Amino acid sequence: MPHLVIEVTRELLPQPGGAKSLLPVLGDIHSEFSHLGFARLEDMKSRVVVQDAALAGGDEEAQFIVATLTTTQDRPHTMQRAMADLIRSRLHQFIESQQLASSWQCCVFFRHVGTEGYIKSQSR
């Protein structure tokens, strides 16, 4: 069950859409993961966390988008890397479409957490 958490500085998000402007990007990532056999569509979980305050080195104006992909099913490292590359590519395209004057950074962390490393409850 892949979980994708995107942290993004507010200035990278177009207004008035804000964080919801990333939903089509997340939908595309979900669809591509499913199409490529990385994960079942219904297993994907993604969310966006908007950062109101951030500091990159000493630069308060620098913008970033950081994605963390956590998988709970063991996958080969090459597949995890391909998943992270796809995420980075889609987020990079999103940022470039904003045509920002300020500097920005886009990165993806990926990690596996086995069943012994999480607890889950669900309604059905």
PDB file of N, CA and C in Angstrom:
ATOM      1  N   MET A   1       0.839  -1.174   0.000  1.00  0.00           N
ATOM      2  CA  MET A   1       0.000   0.000   0.000  1.00  0.00           C
ATOM      3  C   MET A   1       0.889   1.244   0.000  1.00  0.00           C
ATOM      4  N   PRO A   2       1.123   1.840  -1.143  1.00  0.00           N
ATOM      5  CA  PRO A   2       1.963   3.043  -1.192  1.00  0.00           C
ATOM      6  C   PRO A   2       1.259   4.264  -0.587  1.00  0.00           C
ATOM      7  N   HIS A   3       2.002   4.982   0.229  1.00  0.00           N
ATOM      8  CA  HIS A   3       1.549   6.251   0.798  1.00  0.00           C
ATOM      9  C   HIS A   3       2.470   7.338   0.263  1.00  0.00           C
ATOM     10  N   LEU A   4       1.889   8.392  -0.274  1.00  0.00           N
ATOM     11  CA  LEU A   4       2.660   9.502  -0.822  1.00  0.00           C
ATOM     12  C   LEU A   4       2.271  10.771  -0.076  1.00  0.00           C
ATOM     13  N   VAL A   5       3.244  11.369   0.605  1.00  0.00           N
ATOM     14  CA  VAL A   5       3.023  12.626   1.319  1.00  0.00           C
ATOM     15  C   VAL A   5       3.850  13.692   0.620  1.00  0.00           C
ATOM     16  N   ILE A   6       3.174  14.761   0.219  1.00  0.00           N
ATOM     17  CA  ILE A   6       3.848  15.851  -0.474  1.00  0.00           C
ATOM     18  C   ILE A   6       3.832  17.070   0.429  1.00  0.00           C
ATOM     19  N   GLU A   7       5.025  17.551   0.769  1.00  0.00           N
ATOM     20  CA  GLU A   7       5.169  18.807   1.500  1.00  0.00           C
ATOM     21  C   GLU A   7       5.551  19.865   0.478  1.00  0.00           C
ATOM     22  N   VAL A   8       4.855  20.984   0.504  1.00  0.00           N
ATOM     23  CA  VAL A   8       5.095  22.013  -0.505  1.00  0.00           C
ATOM     24  C   VAL A   8       4.937  23.394   0.123  1.00  0.00           C
ATOM     25  N   THR A   9       5.817  24.309  -0.264  1.00  0.00           N
ATOM     26  CA  THR A   9       5.664  25.683   0.192  1.00  0.00           C
ATOM     27  C   THR A   9       4.486  26.308  -0.548  1.00  0.00           C
ATOM     28  N   ARG A  10       3.759  27.129   0.164  1.00  0.00           N
ATOM     29  CA  ARG A  10       2.524  27.716  -0.363  1.00  0.00           C
ATOM     30  C   ARG A  10       2.746  28.449  -1.684  1.00  0.00           C
ATOM     31  N   GLU A  11       3.891  29.108  -1.831  1.00  0.00           N
ATOM     32  CA  GLU A  11       4.155  29.915  -3.018  1.00  0.00           C
ATOM     33  C   GLU A  11       4.267  29.087  -4.298  1.00  0.00           C
ATOM     34  N   LEU A  12       4.483  27.778  -4.172  1.00  0.00           N
ATOM     35  CA  LEU A  12       4.548  26.922  -5.362  1.00  0.00           C
ATOM     36  C   LEU A  12       3.168  26.556  -5.891  1.00  0.00           C
ATOM     37  N   LEU A  13       2.146  26.849  -5.118  1.00  0.00           N
ATOM     38  CA  LEU A  13       0.793  26.445  -5.492  1.00  0.00           C
ATOM     39  C   LEU A  13       0.041  27.606  -6.133  1.00  0.00           C
ATOM     40  N   PRO A  14      -0.574  27.360  -7.279  1.00  0.00           N
ATOM     41  CA  PRO A  14      -1.348  28.424  -7.915  1.00  0.00           C
ATOM     42  C   PRO A  14      -2.582  28.753  -7.082  1.00  0.00           C
ATOM     43  N   GLN A  15      -2.976  29.994  -7.150  1.00  0.00           N
ATOM     44  CA  GLN A  15      -4.184  30.427  -6.443  1.00  0.00           C
ATOM     45  C   GLN A  15      -5.278  30.670  -7.472  1.00  0.00           C
ATOM     46  N   PRO A  16      -6.520  30.389  -7.202  1.00  0.00           N
ATOM     47  CA  PRO A  16      -7.073  30.072  -5.888  1.00  0.00           C
ATOM     48  C   PRO A  16      -7.072  28.589  -5.554  1.00  0.00           C
ATOM     49  N   GLY A  17      -6.602  27.715  -6.434  1.00  0.00           N
ATOM     50  CA  GLY A  17      -6.694  26.268  -6.215  1.00  0.00           C
ATOM     51  C   GLY A  17      -5.918  25.745  -5.032  1.00  0.00           C
ATOM     52  N   GLY A  18      -4.761  26.332  -4.741  1.00  0.00           N
ATOM     53  CA  GLY A  18      -3.945  25.883  -3.626  1.00  0.00           C
ATOM     54  C   GLY A  18      -3.581  24.413  -3.740  1.00  0.00           C
ATOM     55  N   ALA A  19      -3.627  23.705  -2.616  1.00  0.00           N
ATOM     56  CA  ALA A  19      -3.230  22.295  -2.571  1.00  0.00           C
ATOM     57  C   ALA A  19      -4.059  21.433  -3.516  1.00  0.00           C
ATOM     58  N   LYS A  20      -5.312  21.807  -3.742  1.00  0.00           N
ATOM     59  CA  LYS A  20      -6.165  21.015  -4.638  1.00  0.00           C
ATOM     60  C   LYS A  20      -5.658  21.042  -6.076  1.00  0.00           C
ATOM     61  N   SER A  21      -4.816  22.015  -6.412  1.00  0.00           N
ATOM     62  CA  SER A  21      -4.264  22.053  -7.773  1.00  0.00           C
ATOM     63  C   SER A  21      -3.336  20.869  -8.026  1.00  0.00           C
ATOM     64  N   LEU A  22      -2.893  20.195  -6.972  1.00  0.00           N
ATOM     65  CA  LEU A  22      -2.046  19.007  -7.123  1.00  0.00           C
ATOM     66  C   LEU A  22      -2.854  17.723  -7.311  1.00  0.00           C
ATOM     67  N   LEU A  23      -4.162  17.760  -7.095  1.00  0.00           N
ATOM     68  CA  LEU A  23      -4.970  16.537  -7.213  1.00  0.00           C
ATOM     69  C   LEU A  23      -4.878  15.887  -8.596  1.00  0.00           C
ATOM     70  N   PRO A  24      -4.914  16.638  -9.701  1.00  0.00           N
ATOM     71  CA  PRO A  24      -4.746  15.978 -11.002  1.00  0.00           C
ATOM     72  C   PRO A  24      -3.376  15.309 -11.150  1.00  0.00           C
ATOM     73  N   VAL A  25      -2.342  15.920 -10.586  1.00  0.00           N
ATOM     74  CA  VAL A  25      -0.996  15.332 -10.635  1.00  0.00           C
ATOM     75  C   VAL A  25      -0.986  14.025  -9.847  1.00  0.00           C
ATOM     76  N   LEU A  26      -1.571  14.050  -8.652  1.00  0.00           N
ATOM     77  CA  LEU A  26      -1.641  12.835  -7.834  1.00  0.00           C
ATOM     78  C   LEU A  26      -2.460  11.762  -8.531  1.00  0.00           C
ATOM     79  N   GLY A  27      -3.564  12.159  -9.151  1.00  0.00           N
ATOM     80  CA  GLY A  27      -4.385  11.203  -9.897  1.00  0.00           C
ATOM     81  C   GLY A  27      -3.608  10.552 -11.025  1.00  0.00           C
ATOM     82  N   ASP A  28      -2.797  11.357 -11.731  1.00  0.00           N
ATOM     83  CA  ASP A  28      -1.962  10.808 -12.806  1.00  0.00           C
ATOM     84  C   ASP A  28      -0.931   9.824 -12.253  1.00  0.00           C
ATOM     85  N   ILE A  29      -0.319  10.174 -11.122  1.00  0.00           N
ATOM     86  CA  ILE A  29       0.662   9.276 -10.498  1.00  0.00           C
ATOM     87  C   ILE A  29      -0.017   7.963 -10.107  1.00  0.00           C
ATOM     88  N   HIS A  30      -1.178   8.046  -9.491  1.00  0.00           N
ATOM     89  CA  HIS A  30      -1.919   6.835  -9.108  1.00  0.00           C
ATOM     90  C   HIS A  30      -2.193   5.966 -10.336  1.00  0.00           C
ATOM     91  N   SER A  31      -2.693   6.600 -11.401  1.00  0.00           N
ATOM     92  CA  SER A  31      -3.022   5.854 -12.627  1.00  0.00           C
ATOM     93  C   SER A  31      -1.785   5.213 -13.239  1.00  0.00           C
ATOM     94  N   GLU A  32      -0.686   5.956 -13.286  1.00  0.00           N
ATOM     95  CA  GLU A  32       0.544   5.407 -13.867  1.00  0.00           C
ATOM     96  C   GLU A  32       1.093   4.266 -13.020  1.00  0.00           C
ATOM     97  N   PHE A  33       1.055   4.395 -11.703  1.00  0.00           N
ATOM     98  CA  PHE A  33       1.500   3.301 -10.836  1.00  0.00           C
ATOM     99  C   PHE A  33       0.696   2.040 -11.129  1.00  0.00           C
ATOM    100  N   SER A  34      -0.612   2.203 -11.266  1.00  0.00           N
ATOM    101  CA  SER A  34      -1.482   1.063 -11.543  1.00  0.00           C
ATOM    102  C   SER A  34      -1.170   0.467 -12.914  1.00  0.00           C
ATOM    103  N   HIS A  35      -1.065   1.320 -13.915  1.00  0.00           N
ATOM    104  CA  HIS A  35      -0.797   0.873 -15.285  1.00  0.00           C
ATOM    105  C   HIS A  35       0.548   0.142 -15.391  1.00  0.00           C
ATOM    106  N   LEU A  36       1.552   0.625 -14.661  1.00  0.00           N
ATOM    107  CA  LEU A  36       2.885   0.021 -14.715  1.00  0.00           C
ATOM    108  C   LEU A  36       3.025  -1.199 -13.797  1.00  0.00           C
ATOM    109  N   GLY A  37       1.982  -1.504 -13.031  1.00  0.00           N
ATOM    110  CA  GLY A  37       2.033  -2.661 -12.139  1.00  0.00           C
ATOM    111  C   GLY A  37       2.762  -2.402 -10.831  1.00  0.00           C
ATOM    112  N   PHE A  38       2.974  -1.136 -10.478  1.00  0.00           N
ATOM    113  CA  PHE A  38       3.649  -0.803  -9.221  1.00  0.00           C
ATOM    114  C   PHE A  38       2.727  -0.987  -8.019  1.00  0.00           C
ATOM    115  N   ALA A  39       1.436  -0.713  -8.216  1.00  0.00           N
ATOM    116  CA  ALA A  39       0.467  -0.801  -7.118  1.00  0.00           C
ATOM    117  C   ALA A  39      -0.938  -0.824  -7.702  1.00  0.00           C
ATOM    118  N   ARG A  40      -1.854  -1.394  -6.944  1.00  0.00           N
ATOM    119  CA  ARG A  40      -3.256  -1.346  -7.360  1.00  0.00           C
ATOM    120  C   ARG A  40      -3.792   0.059  -7.080  1.00  0.00           C
ATOM    121  N   LEU A  41      -4.598   0.556  -7.980  1.00  0.00           N
ATOM    122  CA  LEU A  41      -5.137   1.910  -7.856  1.00  0.00           C
ATOM    123  C   LEU A  41      -5.821   2.122  -6.508  1.00  0.00           C
ATOM    124  N   GLU A  42      -6.601   1.152  -6.080  1.00  0.00           N
ATOM    125  CA  GLU A  42      -7.351   1.304  -4.831  1.00  0.00           C
ATOM    126  C   GLU A  42      -6.463   1.273  -3.586  1.00  0.00           C
ATOM    127  N   ASP A  43      -5.208   0.882  -3.732  1.00  0.00           N
ATOM    128  CA  ASP A  43      -4.291   0.850  -2.593  1.00  0.00           C
ATOM    129  C   ASP A  43      -3.519   2.155  -2.395  1.00  0.00           C
ATOM    130  N   MET A  44      -3.515   3.025  -3.385  1.00  0.00           N
ATOM    131  CA  MET A  44      -2.745   4.273  -3.309  1.00  0.00           C
ATOM    132  C   MET A  44      -3.391   5.261  -2.332  1.00  0.00           C
ATOM    133  N   LYS A  45      -2.557   5.889  -1.523  1.00  0.00           N
ATOM    134  CA  LYS A  45      -2.993   6.931  -0.589  1.00  0.00           C
ATOM    135  C   LYS A  45      -2.037   8.115  -0.750  1.00  0.00           C
ATOM    136  N   SER A  46      -2.577   9.287  -1.066  1.00  0.00           N
ATOM    137  CA  SER A  46      -1.742  10.477  -1.233  1.00  0.00           C
ATOM    138  C   SER A  46      -2.359  11.659  -0.510  1.00  0.00           C
ATOM    139  N   ARG A  47      -1.500  12.545  -0.046  1.00  0.00           N
ATOM    140  CA  ARG A  47      -1.961  13.767   0.604  1.00  0.00           C
ATOM    141  C   ARG A  47      -0.931  14.870   0.426  1.00  0.00           C
ATOM    142  N   VAL A  48      -1.421  16.099   0.562  1.00  0.00           N
ATOM    143  CA  VAL A  48      -0.586  17.286   0.383  1.00  0.00           C
ATOM    144  C   VAL A  48      -0.577  18.065   1.691  1.00  0.00           C
ATOM    145  N   VAL A  49       0.617  18.430   2.136  1.00  0.00           N
ATOM    146  CA  VAL A  49       0.791  19.239   3.338  1.00  0.00           C
ATOM    147  C   VAL A  49       1.441  20.545   2.898  1.00  0.00           C
ATOM    148  N   VAL A  50       0.753  21.654   3.129  1.00  0.00           N
ATOM    149  CA  VAL A  50       1.268  22.960   2.718  1.00  0.00           C
ATOM    150  C   VAL A  50       2.069  23.561   3.869  1.00  0.00           C
ATOM    151  N   GLN A  51       3.288  23.987   3.551  1.00  0.00           N
ATOM    152  CA  GLN A  51       4.179  24.583   4.541  1.00  0.00           C
ATOM    153  C   GLN A  51       4.072  26.103   4.469  1.00  0.00           C
ATOM    154  N   ASP A  52       3.691  26.722   5.584  1.00  0.00           N
ATOM    155  CA  ASP A  52       3.573  28.178   5.629  1.00  0.00           C
ATOM    156  C   ASP A  52       4.902  28.858   5.908  1.00  0.00           C
ATOM    157  N   ALA A  53       5.815  28.164   6.547  1.00  0.00           N
ATOM    158  CA  ALA A  53       7.120  28.734   6.860  1.00  0.00           C
ATOM    159  C   ALA A  53       8.188  27.699   6.535  1.00  0.00           C
ATOM    160  N   ALA A  54       9.216  28.140   5.824  1.00  0.00           N
ATOM    161  CA  ALA A  54      10.310  27.232   5.457  1.00  0.00           C
ATOM    162  C   ALA A  54      11.583  28.042   5.267  1.00  0.00           C
ATOM    163  N   LEU A  55      12.698  27.388   5.479  1.00  0.00           N
ATOM    164  CA  LEU A  55      13.992  28.030   5.311  1.00  0.00           C
ATOM    165  C   LEU A  55      14.913  27.049   4.609  1.00  0.00           C
ATOM    166  N   ALA A  56      15.479  27.454   3.483  1.00  0.00           N
ATOM    167  CA  ALA A  56      16.442  26.621   2.751  1.00  0.00           C
ATOM    168  C   ALA A  56      17.803  27.285   2.900  1.00  0.00           C
ATOM    169  N   GLY A  57      18.649  26.715   3.750  1.00  0.00           N
ATOM    170  CA  GLY A  57      19.901  27.393   4.074  1.00  0.00           C
ATOM    171  C   GLY A  57      19.557  28.681   4.794  1.00  0.00           C
ATOM    172  N   GLY A  58      19.941  29.807   4.223  1.00  0.00           N
ATOM    173  CA  GLY A  58      19.568  31.098   4.789  1.00  0.00           C
ATOM    174  C   GLY A  58      18.522  31.817   3.963  1.00  0.00           C
ATOM    175  N   ASP A  59      17.951  31.128   2.974  1.00  0.00           N
ATOM    176  CA  ASP A  59      17.036  31.758   2.019  1.00  0.00           C
ATOM    177  C   ASP A  59      15.576  31.500   2.393  1.00  0.00           C
ATOM    178  N   GLU A  60      14.905  32.527   2.867  1.00  0.00           N
ATOM    179  CA  GLU A  60      13.492  32.412   3.225  1.00  0.00           C
ATOM    180  C   GLU A  60      12.585  32.425   2.000  1.00  0.00           C
ATOM    181  N   GLU A  61      13.118  32.810   0.850  1.00  0.00           N
ATOM    182  CA  GLU A  61      12.313  32.907  -0.371  1.00  0.00           C
ATOM    183  C   GLU A  61      12.377  31.639  -1.226  1.00  0.00           C
ATOM    184  N   ALA A  62      13.362  30.787  -0.979  1.00  0.00           N
ATOM    185  CA  ALA A  62      13.502  29.559  -1.775  1.00  0.00           C
ATOM    186  C   ALA A  62      12.294  28.662  -1.539  1.00  0.00           C
ATOM    187  N   GLN A  63      11.834  28.041  -2.595  1.00  0.00           N
ATOM    188  CA  GLN A  63      10.637  27.211  -2.535  1.00  0.00           C
ATOM    189  C   GLN A  63      11.020  25.738  -2.700  1.00  0.00           C
ATOM    190  N   PHE A  64      10.171  24.854  -2.186  1.00  0.00           N
ATOM    191  CA  PHE A  64      10.455  23.431  -2.342  1.00  0.00           C
ATOM    192  C   PHE A  64       9.178  22.619  -2.387  1.00  0.00           C
ATOM    193  N   ILE A  65       9.332  21.458  -2.973  1.00  0.00           N
ATOM    194  CA  ILE A  65       8.305  20.428  -2.908  1.00  0.00           C
ATOM    195  C   ILE A  65       9.057  19.129  -2.615  1.00  0.00           C
ATOM    196  N   VAL A  66       8.712  18.493  -1.507  1.00  0.00           N
ATOM    197  CA  VAL A  66       9.381  17.273  -1.068  1.00  0.00           C
ATOM    198  C   VAL A  66       8.326  16.179  -0.941  1.00  0.00           C
ATOM    199  N   ALA A  67       8.532  15.102  -1.643  1.00  0.00           N
ATOM    200  CA  ALA A  67       7.612  13.967  -1.584  1.00  0.00           C
ATOM    201  C   ALA A  67       8.276  12.831  -0.821  1.00  0.00           C
ATOM    202  N   THR A  68       7.503  12.171   0.009  1.00  0.00           N
ATOM    203  CA  THR A  68       7.971  10.977   0.705  1.00  0.00           C
ATOM    204  C   THR A  68       7.045   9.826   0.325  1.00  0.00           C
ATOM    205  N   LEU A  69       7.611   8.834  -0.334  1.00  0.00           N
ATOM    206  CA  LEU A  69       6.875   7.640  -0.730  1.00  0.00           C
ATOM    207  C   LEU A  69       7.212   6.533   0.262  1.00  0.00           C
ATOM    208  N   THR A  70       6.197   6.047   0.951  1.00  0.00           N
ATOM    209  CA  THR A  70       6.371   4.943   1.892  1.00  0.00           C
ATOM    210  C   THR A  70       5.579   3.752   1.372  1.00  0.00           C
ATOM    211  N   THR A  71       6.260   2.637   1.209  1.00  0.00           N
ATOM    212  CA  THR A  71       5.583   1.421   0.762  1.00  0.00           C
ATOM    213  C   THR A  71       5.541   0.427   1.919  1.00  0.00           C
ATOM    214  N   THR A  72       4.453  -0.322   1.987  1.00  0.00           N
ATOM    215  CA  THR A  72       4.305  -1.322   3.040  1.00  0.00           C
ATOM    216  C   THR A  72       4.442  -2.739   2.491  1.00  0.00           C
ATOM    217  N   GLN A  73       4.466  -2.854   1.187  1.00  0.00           N
ATOM    218  CA  GLN A  73       4.704  -4.147   0.534  1.00  0.00           C
ATOM    219  C   GLN A  73       6.127  -4.113  -0.007  1.00  0.00           C
ATOM    220  N   ASP A  74       6.880  -5.168   0.257  1.00  0.00           N
ATOM    221  CA  ASP A  74       8.268  -5.215  -0.194  1.00  0.00           C
ATOM    222  C   ASP A  74       8.331  -5.209  -1.718  1.00  0.00           C
ATOM    223  N   ARG A  75       9.186  -4.345  -2.258  1.00  0.00           N
ATOM    224  CA  ARG A  75       9.398  -4.245  -3.702  1.00  0.00           C
ATOM    225  C   ARG A  75      10.896  -4.194  -3.954  1.00  0.00           C
ATOM    226  N   PRO A  76      11.329  -4.646  -5.123  1.00  0.00           N
ATOM    227  CA  PRO A  76      12.751  -4.525  -5.452  1.00  0.00           C
ATOM    228  C   PRO A  76      13.169  -3.050  -5.449  1.00  0.00           C
ATOM    229  N   HIS A  77      14.421  -2.799  -5.091  1.00  0.00           N
ATOM    230  CA  HIS A  77      14.920  -1.422  -5.052  1.00  0.00           C
ATOM    231  C   HIS A  77      14.740  -0.729  -6.403  1.00  0.00           C
ATOM    232  N   THR A  78      14.926  -1.464  -7.488  1.00  0.00           N
ATOM    233  CA  THR A  78      14.774  -0.853  -8.815  1.00  0.00           C
ATOM    234  C   THR A  78      13.344  -0.369  -9.041  1.00  0.00           C
ATOM    235  N   MET A  79      12.360  -1.098  -8.532  1.00  0.00           N
ATOM    236  CA  MET A  79      10.964  -0.666  -8.664  1.00  0.00           C
ATOM    237  C   MET A  79      10.700   0.554  -7.780  1.00  0.00           C
ATOM    238  N   GLN A  80      11.221   0.531  -6.552  1.00  0.00           N
ATOM    239  CA  GLN A  80      11.054   1.690  -5.674  1.00  0.00           C
ATOM    240  C   GLN A  80      11.659   2.935  -6.324  1.00  0.00           C
ATOM    241  N   ARG A  81      12.825   2.763  -6.919  1.00  0.00           N
ATOM    242  CA  ARG A  81      13.502   3.881  -7.590  1.00  0.00           C
ATOM    243  C   ARG A  81      12.679   4.374  -8.783  1.00  0.00           C
ATOM    244  N   ALA A  82      12.120   3.469  -9.548  1.00  0.00           N
ATOM    245  CA  ALA A  82      11.284   3.849 -10.693  1.00  0.00           C
ATOM    246  C   ALA A  82      10.037   4.596 -10.223  1.00  0.00           C
ATOM    247  N   MET A  83       9.463   4.167  -9.108  1.00  0.00           N
ATOM    248  CA  MET A  83       8.302   4.860  -8.549  1.00  0.00           C
ATOM    249  C   MET A  83       8.684   6.283  -8.139  1.00  0.00           C
ATOM    250  N   ALA A  84       9.821   6.417  -7.461  1.00  0.00           N
ATOM    251  CA  ALA A  84      10.284   7.738  -7.026  1.00  0.00           C
ATOM    252  C   ALA A  84      10.611   8.627  -8.228  1.00  0.00           C
ATOM    253  N   ASP A  85      11.228   8.054  -9.253  1.00  0.00           N
ATOM    254  CA  ASP A  85      11.546   8.826 -10.464  1.00  0.00           C
ATOM    255  C   ASP A  85      10.283   9.357 -11.127  1.00  0.00           C
ATOM    256  N   LEU A  86       9.252   8.527 -11.189  1.00  0.00           N
ATOM    257  CA  LEU A  86       7.993   8.956 -11.795  1.00  0.00           C
ATOM    258  C   LEU A  86       7.378  10.109 -10.997  1.00  0.00           C
ATOM    259  N   ILE A  87       7.384   9.993  -9.681  1.00  0.00           N
ATOM    260  CA  ILE A  87       6.854  11.064  -8.826  1.00  0.00           C
ATOM    261  C   ILE A  87       7.636  12.350  -9.052  1.00  0.00           C
ATOM    262  N   ARG A  88       8.961  12.259  -9.020  1.00  0.00           N
ATOM    263  CA  ARG A  88       9.783  13.454  -9.203  1.00  0.00           C
ATOM    264  C   ARG A  88       9.524  14.105 -10.552  1.00  0.00           C
ATOM    265  N   SER A  89       9.399  13.306 -11.576  1.00  0.00           N
ATOM    266  CA  SER A  89       9.150  13.827 -12.915  1.00  0.00           C
ATOM    267  C   SER A  89       7.829  14.598 -12.977  1.00  0.00           C
ATOM    268  N   ARG A  90       6.769  14.016 -12.419  1.00  0.00           N
ATOM    269  CA  ARG A  90       5.454  14.676 -12.465  1.00  0.00           C
ATOM    270  C   ARG A  90       5.440  15.947 -11.625  1.00  0.00           C
ATOM    271  N   LEU A  91       6.085  15.922 -10.461  1.00  0.00           N
ATOM    272  CA  LEU A  91       6.136  17.121  -9.624  1.00  0.00           C
ATOM    273  C   LEU A  91       6.992  18.205 -10.269  1.00  0.00           C
ATOM    274  N   HIS A  92       8.089  17.799 -10.887  1.00  0.00           N
ATOM    275  CA  HIS A  92       8.963  18.743 -11.593  1.00  0.00           C
ATOM    276  C   HIS A  92       8.178  19.454 -12.699  1.00  0.00           C
ATOM    277  N   GLN A  93       7.425  18.704 -13.465  1.00  0.00           N
ATOM    278  CA  GLN A  93       6.601  19.296 -14.527  1.00  0.00           C
ATOM    279  C   GLN A  93       5.591  20.282 -13.948  1.00  0.00           C
ATOM    280  N   PHE A  94       4.990  19.916 -12.827  1.00  0.00           N
ATOM    281  CA  PHE A  94       4.017  20.794 -12.176  1.00  0.00           C
ATOM    282  C   PHE A  94       4.670  22.116 -11.785  1.00  0.00           C
ATOM    283  N   ILE A  95       5.843  22.046 -11.142  1.00  0.00           N
ATOM    284  CA  ILE A  95       6.521  23.266 -10.697  1.00  0.00           C
ATOM    285  C   ILE A  95       6.921  24.124 -11.892  1.00  0.00           C
ATOM    286  N   GLU A  96       7.492  23.506 -12.909  1.00  0.00           N
ATOM    287  CA  GLU A  96       7.905  24.284 -14.081  1.00  0.00           C
ATOM    288  C   GLU A  96       6.723  24.996 -14.726  1.00  0.00           C
ATOM    289  N   SER A  97       5.546  24.414 -14.652  1.00  0.00           N
ATOM    290  CA  SER A  97       4.365  25.047 -15.246  1.00  0.00           C
ATOM    291  C   SER A  97       3.971  26.324 -14.499  1.00  0.00           C
ATOM    292  N   GLN A  98       4.469  26.492 -13.275  1.00  0.00           N
ATOM    293  CA  GLN A  98       4.149  27.689 -12.490  1.00  0.00           C
ATOM    294  C   GLN A  98       4.984  28.900 -12.916  1.00  0.00           C
ATOM    295  N   GLN A  99       6.082  28.674 -13.635  1.00  0.00           N
ATOM    296  CA  GLN A  99       6.973  29.741 -14.118  1.00  0.00           C
ATOM    297  C   GLN A  99       7.368  30.702 -12.988  1.00  0.00           C
ATOM    298  N   LEU A 100       7.965  30.152 -11.962  1.00  0.00           N
ATOM    299  CA  LEU A 100       8.357  30.932 -10.787  1.00  0.00           C
ATOM    300  C   LEU A 100       9.629  31.728 -11.028  1.00  0.00           C
ATOM    301  N   ALA A 101       9.697  32.893 -10.409  1.00  0.00           N
ATOM    302  CA  ALA A 101      10.909  33.705 -10.477  1.00  0.00           C
ATOM    303  C   ALA A 101      11.912  33.268  -9.408  1.00  0.00           C
ATOM    304  N   SER A 102      11.424  32.734  -8.289  1.00  0.00           N
ATOM    305  CA  SER A 102      12.305  32.332  -7.191  1.00  0.00           C
ATOM    306  C   SER A 102      12.910  30.953  -7.457  1.00  0.00           C
ATOM    307  N   SER A 103      13.966  30.642  -6.707  1.00  0.00           N
ATOM    308  CA  SER A 103      14.583  29.319  -6.838  1.00  0.00           C
ATOM    309  C   SER A 103      13.686  28.284  -6.162  1.00  0.00           C
ATOM    310  N   TRP A 104      13.796  27.042  -6.604  1.00  0.00           N
ATOM    311  CA  TRP A 104      12.996  25.971  -6.030  1.00  0.00           C
ATOM    312  C   TRP A 104      13.768  24.665  -6.102  1.00  0.00           C
ATOM    313  N   GLN A 105      13.300  23.718  -5.315  1.00  0.00           N
ATOM    314  CA  GLN A 105      13.912  22.391  -5.259  1.00  0.00           C
ATOM    315  C   GLN A 105      12.800  21.350  -5.194  1.00  0.00           C
ATOM    316  N   CYS A 106      13.029  20.235  -5.867  1.00  0.00           N
ATOM    317  CA  CYS A 106      12.065  19.139  -5.869  1.00  0.00           C
ATOM    318  C   CYS A 106      12.826  17.853  -5.557  1.00  0.00           C
ATOM    319  N   CYS A 107      12.391  17.128  -4.544  1.00  0.00           N
ATOM    320  CA  CYS A 107      13.061  15.861  -4.249  1.00  0.00           C
ATOM    321  C   CYS A 107      12.053  14.837  -3.731  1.00  0.00           C
ATOM    322  N   VAL A 108      12.451  13.586  -3.822  1.00  0.00           N
ATOM    323  CA  VAL A 108      11.598  12.480  -3.396  1.00  0.00           C
ATOM    324  C   VAL A 108      12.417  11.548  -2.509  1.00  0.00           C
ATOM    325  N   PHE A 109      11.907  11.287  -1.331  1.00  0.00           N
ATOM    326  CA  PHE A 109      12.461  10.259  -0.461  1.00  0.00           C
ATOM    327  C   PHE A 109      11.598   9.017  -0.644  1.00  0.00           C
ATOM    328  N   PHE A 110      12.214   7.855  -0.672  1.00  0.00           N
ATOM    329  CA  PHE A 110      11.418   6.633  -0.746  1.00  0.00           C
ATOM    330  C   PHE A 110      11.953   5.633   0.261  1.00  0.00           C
ATOM    331  N   ARG A 111      11.012   4.926   0.873  1.00  0.00           N
ATOM    332  CA  ARG A 111      11.380   3.973   1.924  1.00  0.00           C
ATOM    333  C   ARG A 111      10.325   2.884   2.019  1.00  0.00           C
ATOM    334  N   HIS A 112      10.743   1.770   2.580  1.00  0.00           N
ATOM    335  CA  HIS A 112       9.839   0.648   2.813  1.00  0.00           C
ATOM    336  C   HIS A 112       9.649   0.484   4.320  1.00  0.00           C
ATOM    337  N   VAL A 113       8.412   0.318   4.737  1.00  0.00           N
ATOM    338  CA  VAL A 113       8.098   0.005   6.130  1.00  0.00           C
ATOM    339  C   VAL A 113       7.340  -1.314   6.115  1.00  0.00           C
ATOM    340  N   GLY A 114       7.949  -2.349   6.647  1.00  0.00           N
ATOM    341  CA  GLY A 114       7.315  -3.668   6.667  1.00  0.00           C
ATOM    342  C   GLY A 114       6.139  -3.725   7.626  1.00  0.00           C
ATOM    343  N   THR A 115       5.411  -4.815   7.576  1.00  0.00           N
ATOM    344  CA  THR A 115       4.213  -4.957   8.412  1.00  0.00           C
ATOM    345  C   THR A 115       4.520  -4.843   9.904  1.00  0.00           C
ATOM    346  N   GLU A 116       5.758  -5.132  10.296  1.00  0.00           N
ATOM    347  CA  GLU A 116       6.117  -4.995  11.702  1.00  0.00           C
ATOM    348  C   GLU A 116       6.317  -3.531  12.091  1.00  0.00           C
ATOM    349  N   GLY A 117       6.328  -2.629  11.108  1.00  0.00           N
ATOM    350  CA  GLY A 117       6.610  -1.220  11.378  1.00  0.00           C
ATOM    351  C   GLY A 117       5.410  -0.301  11.334  1.00  0.00           C
ATOM    352  N   TYR A 118       4.204  -0.855  11.237  1.00  0.00           N
ATOM    353  CA  TYR A 118       3.015  -0.008  11.279  1.00  0.00           C
ATOM    354  C   TYR A 118       1.823  -0.794  11.809  1.00  0.00           C
ATOM    355  N   ILE A 119       0.836  -0.055  12.275  1.00  0.00           N
ATOM    356  CA  ILE A 119      -0.407  -0.628  12.790  1.00  0.00           C
ATOM    357  C   ILE A 119      -1.545   0.011  12.015  1.00  0.00           C
ATOM    358  N   LYS A 120      -2.541  -0.776  11.654  1.00  0.00           N
ATOM    359  CA  LYS A 120      -3.615  -0.281  10.799  1.00  0.00           C
ATOM    360  C   LYS A 120      -4.972  -0.684  11.351  1.00  0.00           C
ATOM    361  N   SER A 121      -5.921   0.229  11.267  1.00  0.00           N
ATOM    362  CA  SER A 121      -7.333  -0.051  11.547  1.00  0.00           C
ATOM    363  C   SER A 121      -8.127   0.412  10.350  1.00  0.00           C
ATOM    364  N   GLN A 122      -9.216  -0.247  10.079  1.00  0.00           N
ATOM    365  CA  GLN A 122     -10.086   0.209   8.998  1.00  0.00           C
ATOM    366  C   GLN A 122     -11.505  -0.243   9.254  1.00  0.00           C
ATOM    367  N   SER A 123     -12.445   0.420   8.577  1.00  0.00           N
ATOM    368  CA  SER A 123     -13.852   0.158   8.842  1.00  0.00           C
ATOM    369  C   SER A 123     -14.373  -1.077   8.132  1.00  0.00           C
ATOM    370  N   ARG A 124     -13.715  -1.503   7.056  1.00  0.00           N
ATOM    371  CA  ARG A 124     -14.201  -2.677   6.330  1.00  0.00           C
ATOM    372  C   ARG A 124     -13.073  -3.503   5.816  1.00  0.00           C
TER     373      ARG A 124
END
